[in-house]
Amino acid sequence: MKKILKGNKGFSLVELLIALLIMAVIAGTAITLFGGVLESSKVRADNETAESIKRAILTYINVSNDIDLSCLGVTNGEGNDQALISALAKSIEITNTDSILGGESLEVTPDTNDLKGTYGPFLEKEKIQPEQNGKEGWKIEVDSLTMVVSVTADETGSLIIK
């Protein structure tokens, strides 16, 4: 029995290479699956963040009756998505003659329908970026006639008020 065991001292080079090849295939598969899970979790996180922004906008509109967001000092156009998010993260005071955002007076005249008072903040952070790769901002669409707000992660970010 000892003679049989003495001749077999270890694994051959071919056996080691096959074992390494099997481990490499398993590792490659696991990494690929993990990458898909990571990207789908980023998409879900962005969808949740978009819903939070949407709820903040709707809450602001409902409590202040500022349906065109004029008291926030934001306008249509590219890049204003972060300005709107920043404004919703501050305290907003609407008076008869102007709007005060986070302690700074804005050069806007409130509409007669806007409810005077102090509101907010409606968001916790002043800057919210999407998690997905290639997405730099939020596409925010506000239809002031139907009170429908849609928010999605976007490549550039924009604010559209209808």
N, C-alpha and C. Protein backbone atom coordinates (compact mmCIF):
# COMPACT_ATOMS: atom_id res chain seq x y z
N MET A 1 0.82 -1.19 0.00
CA MET A 1 0.00 0.00 0.00
C MET A 1 0.87 1.25 0.00
N LYS A 2 1.98 1.24 0.75
CA LYS A 2 2.85 2.42 0.80
C LYS A 2 3.49 2.68 -0.55
N LYS A 3 3.78 1.65 -1.33
CA LYS A 3 4.39 1.84 -2.63
C LYS A 3 3.44 2.56 -3.58
N ILE A 4 2.15 2.28 -3.49
CA ILE A 4 1.16 2.93 -4.37
C ILE A 4 1.04 4.41 -4.03
N LEU A 5 1.02 4.76 -2.75
CA LEU A 5 0.89 6.15 -2.34
C LEU A 5 2.15 6.96 -2.60
N LYS A 6 3.35 6.31 -2.54
CA LYS A 6 4.59 7.05 -2.79
C LYS A 6 4.69 7.54 -4.22
N GLY A 7 4.12 6.87 -5.17
CA GLY A 7 4.20 7.26 -6.56
C GLY A 7 3.30 8.44 -6.89
N ASN A 8 2.28 8.71 -6.12
CA ASN A 8 1.32 9.79 -6.36
C ASN A 8 1.61 10.92 -5.38
N LYS A 9 2.49 11.87 -5.77
CA LYS A 9 2.93 12.92 -4.85
C LYS A 9 2.11 14.21 -4.94
N GLY A 10 1.28 14.41 -5.95
CA GLY A 10 0.51 15.64 -6.07
C GLY A 10 -0.28 15.69 -7.36
N PHE A 11 -0.78 16.89 -7.67
CA PHE A 11 -1.56 17.07 -8.89
C PHE A 11 -0.62 17.33 -10.05
N SER A 12 -1.04 16.92 -11.23
CA SER A 12 -0.25 17.22 -12.43
C SER A 12 -0.56 18.64 -12.88
N LEU A 13 0.24 19.16 -13.75
CA LEU A 13 0.06 20.52 -14.26
C LEU A 13 -1.26 20.66 -15.00
N VAL A 14 -1.66 19.67 -15.72
CA VAL A 14 -2.92 19.70 -16.46
C VAL A 14 -4.11 19.75 -15.50
N GLU A 15 -4.06 18.98 -14.43
CA GLU A 15 -5.14 19.00 -13.45
C GLU A 15 -5.26 20.38 -12.78
N LEU A 16 -4.14 21.01 -12.47
CA LEU A 16 -4.17 22.36 -11.89
C LEU A 16 -4.74 23.38 -12.86
N LEU A 17 -4.36 23.29 -14.13
CA LEU A 17 -4.87 24.23 -15.13
C LEU A 17 -6.38 24.07 -15.32
N ILE A 18 -6.86 22.85 -15.30
CA ILE A 18 -8.31 22.62 -15.43
C ILE A 18 -9.04 23.20 -14.22
N ALA A 19 -8.51 23.02 -13.03
CA ALA A 19 -9.14 23.57 -11.82
C ALA A 19 -9.17 25.10 -11.88
N LEU A 20 -8.07 25.72 -12.33
CA LEU A 20 -8.03 27.18 -12.46
C LEU A 20 -9.02 27.66 -13.53
N LEU A 21 -9.13 26.94 -14.62
CA LEU A 21 -10.07 27.31 -15.68
C LEU A 21 -11.51 27.26 -15.17
N ILE A 22 -11.84 26.24 -14.41
CA ILE A 22 -13.19 26.12 -13.85
C ILE A 22 -13.46 27.28 -12.89
N MET A 23 -12.51 27.64 -12.05
CA MET A 23 -12.70 28.76 -11.11
C MET A 23 -12.83 30.09 -11.87
N ALA A 24 -12.09 30.25 -12.96
CA ALA A 24 -12.19 31.48 -13.75
C ALA A 24 -13.56 31.61 -14.40
N VAL A 25 -14.11 30.52 -14.91
CA VAL A 25 -15.44 30.55 -15.51
C VAL A 25 -16.49 30.90 -14.47
N ILE A 26 -16.39 30.31 -13.30
CA ILE A 26 -17.34 30.61 -12.22
C ILE A 26 -17.22 32.07 -11.79
N ALA A 27 -16.00 32.59 -11.64
CA ALA A 27 -15.80 33.98 -11.24
C ALA A 27 -16.34 34.94 -12.31
N GLY A 28 -16.09 34.63 -13.58
CA GLY A 28 -16.61 35.49 -14.66
C GLY A 28 -18.11 35.54 -14.68
N THR A 29 -18.75 34.43 -14.46
CA THR A 29 -20.21 34.38 -14.42
C THR A 29 -20.74 35.19 -13.23
N ALA A 30 -20.11 35.03 -12.08
CA ALA A 30 -20.56 35.76 -10.88
C ALA A 30 -20.41 37.27 -11.06
N ILE A 31 -19.31 37.71 -11.65
CA ILE A 31 -19.08 39.14 -11.85
C ILE A 31 -20.11 39.71 -12.82
N THR A 32 -20.41 38.98 -13.89
CA THR A 32 -21.41 39.43 -14.86
C THR A 32 -22.78 39.55 -14.21
N LEU A 33 -23.15 38.55 -13.42
CA LEU A 33 -24.45 38.61 -12.73
C LEU A 33 -24.50 39.75 -11.73
N PHE A 34 -23.42 39.99 -11.02
CA PHE A 34 -23.38 41.07 -10.04
C PHE A 34 -23.50 42.43 -10.72
N GLY A 35 -22.87 42.58 -11.90
CA GLY A 35 -22.98 43.84 -12.63
C GLY A 35 -24.42 44.15 -13.01
N GLY A 36 -25.19 43.15 -13.41
CA GLY A 36 -26.60 43.35 -13.75
C GLY A 36 -27.43 43.72 -12.53
N VAL A 37 -27.13 43.08 -11.42
CA VAL A 37 -27.86 43.38 -10.18
C VAL A 37 -27.54 44.81 -9.73
N LEU A 38 -26.29 45.21 -9.85
CA LEU A 38 -25.89 46.56 -9.45
C LEU A 38 -26.59 47.61 -10.29
N GLU A 39 -26.64 47.40 -11.61
CA GLU A 39 -27.28 48.39 -12.48
C GLU A 39 -28.78 48.46 -12.22
N SER A 40 -29.42 47.32 -12.01
CA SER A 40 -30.87 47.36 -11.75
C SER A 40 -31.17 48.01 -10.40
N SER A 41 -30.27 47.87 -9.43
CA SER A 41 -30.49 48.55 -8.14
C SER A 41 -30.32 50.06 -8.30
N LYS A 42 -29.43 50.50 -9.19
CA LYS A 42 -29.29 51.94 -9.45
C LYS A 42 -30.55 52.49 -10.10
N VAL A 43 -31.13 51.72 -11.02
CA VAL A 43 -32.37 52.15 -11.68
C VAL A 43 -33.49 52.27 -10.65
N ARG A 44 -33.60 51.28 -9.77
CA ARG A 44 -34.65 51.34 -8.73
C ARG A 44 -34.42 52.52 -7.78
N ALA A 45 -33.16 52.79 -7.43
CA ALA A 45 -32.86 53.92 -6.55
C ALA A 45 -33.24 55.23 -7.22
N ASP A 46 -32.94 55.36 -8.52
CA ASP A 46 -33.30 56.58 -9.24
C ASP A 46 -34.82 56.74 -9.34
N ASN A 47 -35.53 55.64 -9.52
CA ASN A 47 -37.00 55.72 -9.57
C ASN A 47 -37.56 56.19 -8.24
N GLU A 48 -37.01 55.71 -7.14
CA GLU A 48 -37.46 56.15 -5.82
C GLU A 48 -37.15 57.63 -5.58
N THR A 49 -35.96 58.06 -5.99
CA THR A 49 -35.58 59.46 -5.85
C THR A 49 -36.49 60.35 -6.70
N ALA A 50 -36.79 59.90 -7.91
CA ALA A 50 -37.69 60.65 -8.80
C ALA A 50 -39.07 60.80 -8.16
N GLU A 51 -39.55 59.74 -7.52
CA GLU A 51 -40.85 59.83 -6.83
C GLU A 51 -40.80 60.82 -5.67
N SER A 52 -39.68 60.87 -4.96
CA SER A 52 -39.54 61.84 -3.85
C SER A 52 -39.56 63.27 -4.37
N ILE A 53 -38.87 63.51 -5.47
CA ILE A 53 -38.87 64.85 -6.07
C ILE A 53 -40.27 65.21 -6.54
N LYS A 54 -40.94 64.27 -7.18
CA LYS A 54 -42.31 64.50 -7.66
C LYS A 54 -43.25 64.83 -6.50
N ARG A 55 -43.16 64.06 -5.41
CA ARG A 55 -44.01 64.33 -4.24
C ARG A 55 -43.71 65.70 -3.65
N ALA A 56 -42.42 66.10 -3.63
CA ALA A 56 -42.06 67.41 -3.08
C ALA A 56 -42.66 68.53 -3.93
N ILE A 57 -42.60 68.39 -5.24
CA ILE A 57 -43.16 69.41 -6.13
C ILE A 57 -44.68 69.50 -5.94
N LEU A 58 -45.35 68.35 -5.92
CA LEU A 58 -46.81 68.35 -5.76
C LEU A 58 -47.23 68.90 -4.40
N THR A 59 -46.46 68.57 -3.36
CA THR A 59 -46.78 69.10 -2.03
C THR A 59 -46.63 70.61 -2.02
N TYR A 60 -45.53 71.12 -2.60
CA TYR A 60 -45.32 72.56 -2.66
C TYR A 60 -46.47 73.24 -3.41
N ILE A 61 -46.84 72.70 -4.57
CA ILE A 61 -47.91 73.29 -5.36
C ILE A 61 -49.22 73.30 -4.58
N ASN A 62 -49.50 72.21 -3.89
CA ASN A 62 -50.76 72.11 -3.14
C ASN A 62 -50.83 73.06 -1.96
N VAL A 63 -49.73 73.22 -1.22
CA VAL A 63 -49.81 74.08 -0.03
C VAL A 63 -49.71 75.57 -0.38
N SER A 64 -49.00 75.91 -1.46
CA SER A 64 -48.80 77.32 -1.77
C SER A 64 -49.69 77.83 -2.90
N ASN A 65 -50.30 76.92 -3.66
CA ASN A 65 -51.11 77.26 -4.82
C ASN A 65 -50.29 77.95 -5.91
N ASP A 66 -48.98 77.76 -5.89
CA ASP A 66 -48.07 78.31 -6.89
C ASP A 66 -47.93 77.29 -8.03
N ILE A 67 -48.94 77.22 -8.90
CA ILE A 67 -48.98 76.15 -9.89
C ILE A 67 -47.94 76.29 -11.00
N ASP A 68 -47.44 77.49 -11.25
CA ASP A 68 -46.43 77.66 -12.28
C ASP A 68 -45.02 77.76 -11.71
N LEU A 69 -44.87 77.54 -10.41
CA LEU A 69 -43.58 77.57 -9.70
C LEU A 69 -42.87 78.91 -9.82
N SER A 70 -43.62 79.98 -10.05
CA SER A 70 -43.01 81.29 -10.24
C SER A 70 -42.36 81.83 -8.97
N CYS A 71 -42.89 81.48 -7.81
CA CYS A 71 -42.32 82.00 -6.56
C CYS A 71 -40.99 81.35 -6.21
N LEU A 72 -40.64 80.27 -6.90
CA LEU A 72 -39.35 79.62 -6.65
C LEU A 72 -38.24 80.22 -7.51
N GLY A 73 -38.59 81.08 -8.44
CA GLY A 73 -37.59 81.72 -9.28
C GLY A 73 -37.00 80.80 -10.33
N VAL A 74 -37.67 79.71 -10.66
CA VAL A 74 -37.18 78.80 -11.69
C VAL A 74 -37.94 79.05 -12.98
N THR A 75 -37.27 78.79 -14.09
CA THR A 75 -37.90 78.98 -15.39
C THR A 75 -37.68 77.73 -16.23
N ASN A 76 -38.38 77.66 -17.36
CA ASN A 76 -38.18 76.56 -18.30
C ASN A 76 -36.74 76.55 -18.79
N GLY A 77 -36.26 75.39 -19.15
CA GLY A 77 -34.96 75.32 -19.80
C GLY A 77 -34.04 74.29 -19.19
N GLU A 78 -32.98 74.03 -19.93
CA GLU A 78 -32.02 73.02 -19.52
C GLU A 78 -31.21 73.49 -18.32
N GLY A 79 -30.99 72.60 -17.37
CA GLY A 79 -30.17 72.92 -16.20
C GLY A 79 -30.95 73.43 -15.02
N ASN A 80 -32.22 73.74 -15.19
CA ASN A 80 -33.01 74.27 -14.08
C ASN A 80 -33.56 73.19 -13.17
N ASP A 81 -33.32 71.92 -13.50
CA ASP A 81 -33.79 70.85 -12.62
C ASP A 81 -33.13 70.95 -11.26
N GLN A 82 -31.82 71.23 -11.22
CA GLN A 82 -31.12 71.35 -9.94
C GLN A 82 -31.51 72.63 -9.21
N ALA A 83 -31.86 73.69 -9.95
CA ALA A 83 -32.33 74.92 -9.31
C ALA A 83 -33.65 74.68 -8.59
N LEU A 84 -34.54 73.91 -9.22
CA LEU A 84 -35.82 73.58 -8.59
C LEU A 84 -35.61 72.70 -7.36
N ILE A 85 -34.74 71.70 -7.48
CA ILE A 85 -34.46 70.81 -6.35
C ILE A 85 -33.84 71.60 -5.19
N SER A 86 -32.92 72.49 -5.52
CA SER A 86 -32.29 73.33 -4.49
C SER A 86 -33.33 74.23 -3.81
N ALA A 87 -34.24 74.79 -4.59
CA ALA A 87 -35.28 75.67 -4.03
C ALA A 87 -36.22 74.89 -3.11
N LEU A 88 -36.54 73.65 -3.47
CA LEU A 88 -37.44 72.85 -2.65
C LEU A 88 -36.78 72.37 -1.36
N ALA A 89 -35.46 72.46 -1.28
CA ALA A 89 -34.74 72.06 -0.07
C ALA A 89 -34.57 73.22 0.91
N LYS A 90 -35.10 74.40 0.55
CA LYS A 90 -34.98 75.58 1.40
C LYS A 90 -36.36 76.01 1.91
N SER A 91 -36.34 76.86 2.90
CA SER A 91 -37.57 77.45 3.40
C SER A 91 -38.02 78.52 2.40
N ILE A 92 -39.32 78.53 2.08
CA ILE A 92 -39.86 79.43 1.08
C ILE A 92 -40.90 80.32 1.74
N GLU A 93 -40.71 81.63 1.64
CA GLU A 93 -41.68 82.57 2.19
C GLU A 93 -42.26 83.40 1.06
N ILE A 94 -43.57 83.35 0.92
CA ILE A 94 -44.26 84.12 -0.11
C ILE A 94 -44.97 85.28 0.57
N THR A 95 -44.64 86.50 0.14
CA THR A 95 -45.29 87.70 0.69
C THR A 95 -46.09 88.36 -0.41
N ASN A 96 -46.67 89.51 -0.12
CA ASN A 96 -47.47 90.22 -1.12
C ASN A 96 -46.62 90.78 -2.25
N THR A 97 -45.36 91.10 -1.96
CA THR A 97 -44.55 91.80 -2.96
C THR A 97 -43.42 90.98 -3.54
N ASP A 98 -42.96 89.94 -2.83
CA ASP A 98 -41.85 89.15 -3.37
C ASP A 98 -41.85 87.75 -2.76
N SER A 99 -40.82 87.02 -3.10
CA SER A 99 -40.65 85.67 -2.58
C SER A 99 -39.28 85.59 -1.94
N ILE A 100 -39.20 84.96 -0.78
CA ILE A 100 -37.93 84.84 -0.07
C ILE A 100 -37.60 83.35 0.02
N LEU A 101 -36.47 82.98 -0.57
CA LEU A 101 -36.06 81.58 -0.66
C LEU A 101 -34.82 81.36 0.18
N GLY A 102 -34.96 80.61 1.27
CA GLY A 102 -33.82 80.32 2.13
C GLY A 102 -33.18 81.56 2.71
N GLY A 103 -33.97 82.60 2.95
CA GLY A 103 -33.45 83.84 3.53
C GLY A 103 -33.05 84.87 2.50
N GLU A 104 -32.98 84.48 1.20
CA GLU A 104 -32.60 85.42 0.14
C GLU A 104 -33.84 85.84 -0.63
N SER A 105 -34.00 87.15 -0.82
CA SER A 105 -35.15 87.68 -1.55
C SER A 105 -34.96 87.44 -3.04
N LEU A 106 -36.04 86.99 -3.70
CA LEU A 106 -36.01 86.75 -5.15
C LEU A 106 -36.73 87.87 -5.87
N GLU A 107 -36.30 88.14 -7.08
CA GLU A 107 -36.91 89.17 -7.91
C GLU A 107 -38.12 88.62 -8.65
N VAL A 108 -39.15 88.18 -7.94
CA VAL A 108 -40.37 87.69 -8.57
C VAL A 108 -41.55 88.35 -7.88
N THR A 109 -42.64 88.47 -8.60
CA THR A 109 -43.87 88.99 -8.02
C THR A 109 -44.88 87.85 -7.96
N PRO A 110 -45.28 87.46 -6.77
CA PRO A 110 -46.24 86.36 -6.65
C PRO A 110 -47.56 86.68 -7.34
N ASP A 111 -48.21 85.64 -7.85
CA ASP A 111 -49.54 85.79 -8.43
C ASP A 111 -50.54 86.07 -7.31
N THR A 112 -51.69 86.59 -7.68
CA THR A 112 -52.73 86.85 -6.69
C THR A 112 -53.30 85.55 -6.12
N ASN A 113 -53.15 84.44 -6.85
CA ASN A 113 -53.67 83.16 -6.38
C ASN A 113 -52.73 82.46 -5.41
N ASP A 114 -51.45 82.87 -5.38
CA ASP A 114 -50.48 82.22 -4.49
C ASP A 114 -50.83 82.53 -3.04
N LEU A 115 -50.78 81.50 -2.20
CA LEU A 115 -51.09 81.66 -0.79
C LEU A 115 -49.87 82.20 -0.05
N LYS A 116 -50.03 83.30 0.64
CA LYS A 116 -48.93 83.93 1.36
C LYS A 116 -48.60 83.12 2.61
N GLY A 117 -47.30 83.01 2.92
CA GLY A 117 -46.89 82.27 4.10
C GLY A 117 -45.50 81.67 3.91
N THR A 118 -45.08 80.89 4.89
CA THR A 118 -43.77 80.23 4.86
C THR A 118 -43.98 78.73 4.69
N TYR A 119 -43.25 78.15 3.74
CA TYR A 119 -43.40 76.74 3.42
C TYR A 119 -42.02 76.06 3.32
N GLY A 120 -42.03 74.76 3.56
CA GLY A 120 -40.84 73.96 3.31
C GLY A 120 -39.92 73.88 4.49
N PRO A 121 -38.81 73.27 4.33
CA PRO A 121 -38.29 72.64 3.11
C PRO A 121 -39.01 71.33 2.80
N PHE A 122 -39.04 70.98 1.52
CA PHE A 122 -39.74 69.80 1.06
C PHE A 122 -38.79 68.65 0.72
N LEU A 123 -37.50 68.94 0.56
CA LEU A 123 -36.49 67.91 0.30
C LEU A 123 -35.36 68.07 1.32
N GLU A 124 -34.63 66.98 1.57
CA GLU A 124 -33.55 67.03 2.55
C GLU A 124 -32.25 67.58 1.97
N LYS A 125 -31.97 67.28 0.70
CA LYS A 125 -30.71 67.70 0.09
C LYS A 125 -30.95 68.75 -0.98
N GLU A 126 -29.98 69.64 -1.13
CA GLU A 126 -30.08 70.67 -2.16
C GLU A 126 -29.60 70.19 -3.52
N LYS A 127 -28.80 69.14 -3.55
CA LYS A 127 -28.29 68.61 -4.81
C LYS A 127 -28.52 67.11 -4.82
N ILE A 128 -29.32 66.65 -5.77
CA ILE A 128 -29.62 65.23 -5.89
C ILE A 128 -29.28 64.80 -7.31
N GLN A 129 -28.33 63.89 -7.44
CA GLN A 129 -27.90 63.38 -8.74
C GLN A 129 -28.39 61.96 -8.93
N PRO A 130 -28.69 61.57 -10.17
CA PRO A 130 -29.05 60.17 -10.45
C PRO A 130 -27.86 59.24 -10.23
N GLU A 131 -28.15 57.99 -9.89
CA GLU A 131 -27.12 56.99 -9.65
C GLU A 131 -26.68 56.29 -10.93
N GLN A 132 -27.53 56.23 -11.94
CA GLN A 132 -27.25 55.47 -13.15
C GLN A 132 -26.10 56.09 -13.93
N ASN A 133 -25.35 55.22 -14.62
CA ASN A 133 -24.26 55.70 -15.46
C ASN A 133 -24.84 56.44 -16.67
N GLY A 134 -24.26 57.56 -17.01
CA GLY A 134 -24.70 58.34 -18.15
C GLY A 134 -25.85 59.29 -17.86
N LYS A 135 -26.40 59.26 -16.67
CA LYS A 135 -27.50 60.16 -16.31
C LYS A 135 -26.94 61.26 -15.41
N GLU A 136 -27.11 62.51 -15.85
CA GLU A 136 -26.51 63.64 -15.14
C GLU A 136 -27.52 64.49 -14.38
N GLY A 137 -28.79 64.38 -14.74
CA GLY A 137 -29.79 65.24 -14.10
C GLY A 137 -31.17 64.62 -14.17
N TRP A 138 -32.17 65.45 -13.91
CA TRP A 138 -33.56 65.00 -13.88
C TRP A 138 -34.37 65.74 -14.92
N LYS A 139 -35.17 65.02 -15.67
CA LYS A 139 -36.11 65.64 -16.59
C LYS A 139 -37.41 65.81 -15.82
N ILE A 140 -37.74 67.06 -15.51
CA ILE A 140 -38.92 67.37 -14.70
C ILE A 140 -39.92 68.10 -15.59
N GLU A 141 -41.10 67.52 -15.71
CA GLU A 141 -42.17 68.13 -16.50
C GLU A 141 -43.34 68.44 -15.57
N VAL A 142 -43.78 69.69 -15.58
CA VAL A 142 -44.90 70.11 -14.74
C VAL A 142 -45.97 70.69 -15.65
N ASP A 143 -47.14 70.06 -15.65
CA ASP A 143 -48.28 70.58 -16.40
C ASP A 143 -49.17 71.32 -15.39
N SER A 144 -49.12 72.64 -15.43
CA SER A 144 -49.84 73.42 -14.43
C SER A 144 -51.36 73.40 -14.65
N LEU A 145 -51.79 73.01 -15.82
CA LEU A 145 -53.22 72.95 -16.08
C LEU A 145 -53.83 71.69 -15.45
N THR A 146 -53.19 70.54 -15.66
CA THR A 146 -53.73 69.27 -15.14
C THR A 146 -53.10 68.86 -13.81
N MET A 147 -52.09 69.60 -13.35
CA MET A 147 -51.38 69.30 -12.10
C MET A 147 -50.70 67.93 -12.15
N VAL A 148 -50.15 67.59 -13.31
CA VAL A 148 -49.43 66.34 -13.49
C VAL A 148 -47.94 66.65 -13.51
N VAL A 149 -47.19 65.92 -12.69
CA VAL A 149 -45.74 66.10 -12.61
C VAL A 149 -45.09 64.78 -12.95
N SER A 150 -44.09 64.82 -13.83
CA SER A 150 -43.33 63.60 -14.11
C SER A 150 -41.85 63.92 -13.94
N VAL A 151 -41.13 62.97 -13.31
CA VAL A 151 -39.70 63.13 -13.05
C VAL A 151 -39.01 61.85 -13.46
N THR A 152 -37.99 61.96 -14.31
CA THR A 152 -37.18 60.81 -14.72
C THR A 152 -35.72 61.21 -14.78
N ALA A 153 -34.84 60.24 -14.59
CA ALA A 153 -33.40 60.48 -14.73
C ALA A 153 -33.10 60.74 -16.20
N ASP A 154 -32.21 61.71 -16.47
CA ASP A 154 -31.97 62.15 -17.85
C ASP A 154 -30.47 62.39 -18.05
N GLU A 155 -30.06 62.43 -19.32
CA GLU A 155 -28.64 62.66 -19.63
C GLU A 155 -28.19 64.06 -19.27
N THR A 156 -29.06 65.05 -19.44
CA THR A 156 -28.65 66.43 -19.20
C THR A 156 -29.42 67.08 -18.06
N GLY A 157 -30.66 66.77 -17.92
CA GLY A 157 -31.50 67.42 -16.92
C GLY A 157 -32.19 68.62 -17.51
N SER A 158 -33.51 68.73 -17.30
CA SER A 158 -34.25 69.88 -17.82
C SER A 158 -35.52 70.07 -17.00
N LEU A 159 -36.08 71.25 -17.12
CA LEU A 159 -37.34 71.58 -16.45
C LEU A 159 -38.28 72.15 -17.49
N ILE A 160 -39.45 71.53 -17.60
CA ILE A 160 -40.45 71.99 -18.56
C ILE A 160 -41.72 72.29 -17.79
N ILE A 161 -42.17 73.54 -17.85
CA ILE A 161 -43.42 73.96 -17.20
C ILE A 161 -44.39 74.35 -18.30
N LYS A 162 -45.51 73.66 -18.34
CA LYS A 162 -46.51 73.93 -19.39
C LYS A 162 -47.64 74.76 -18.83
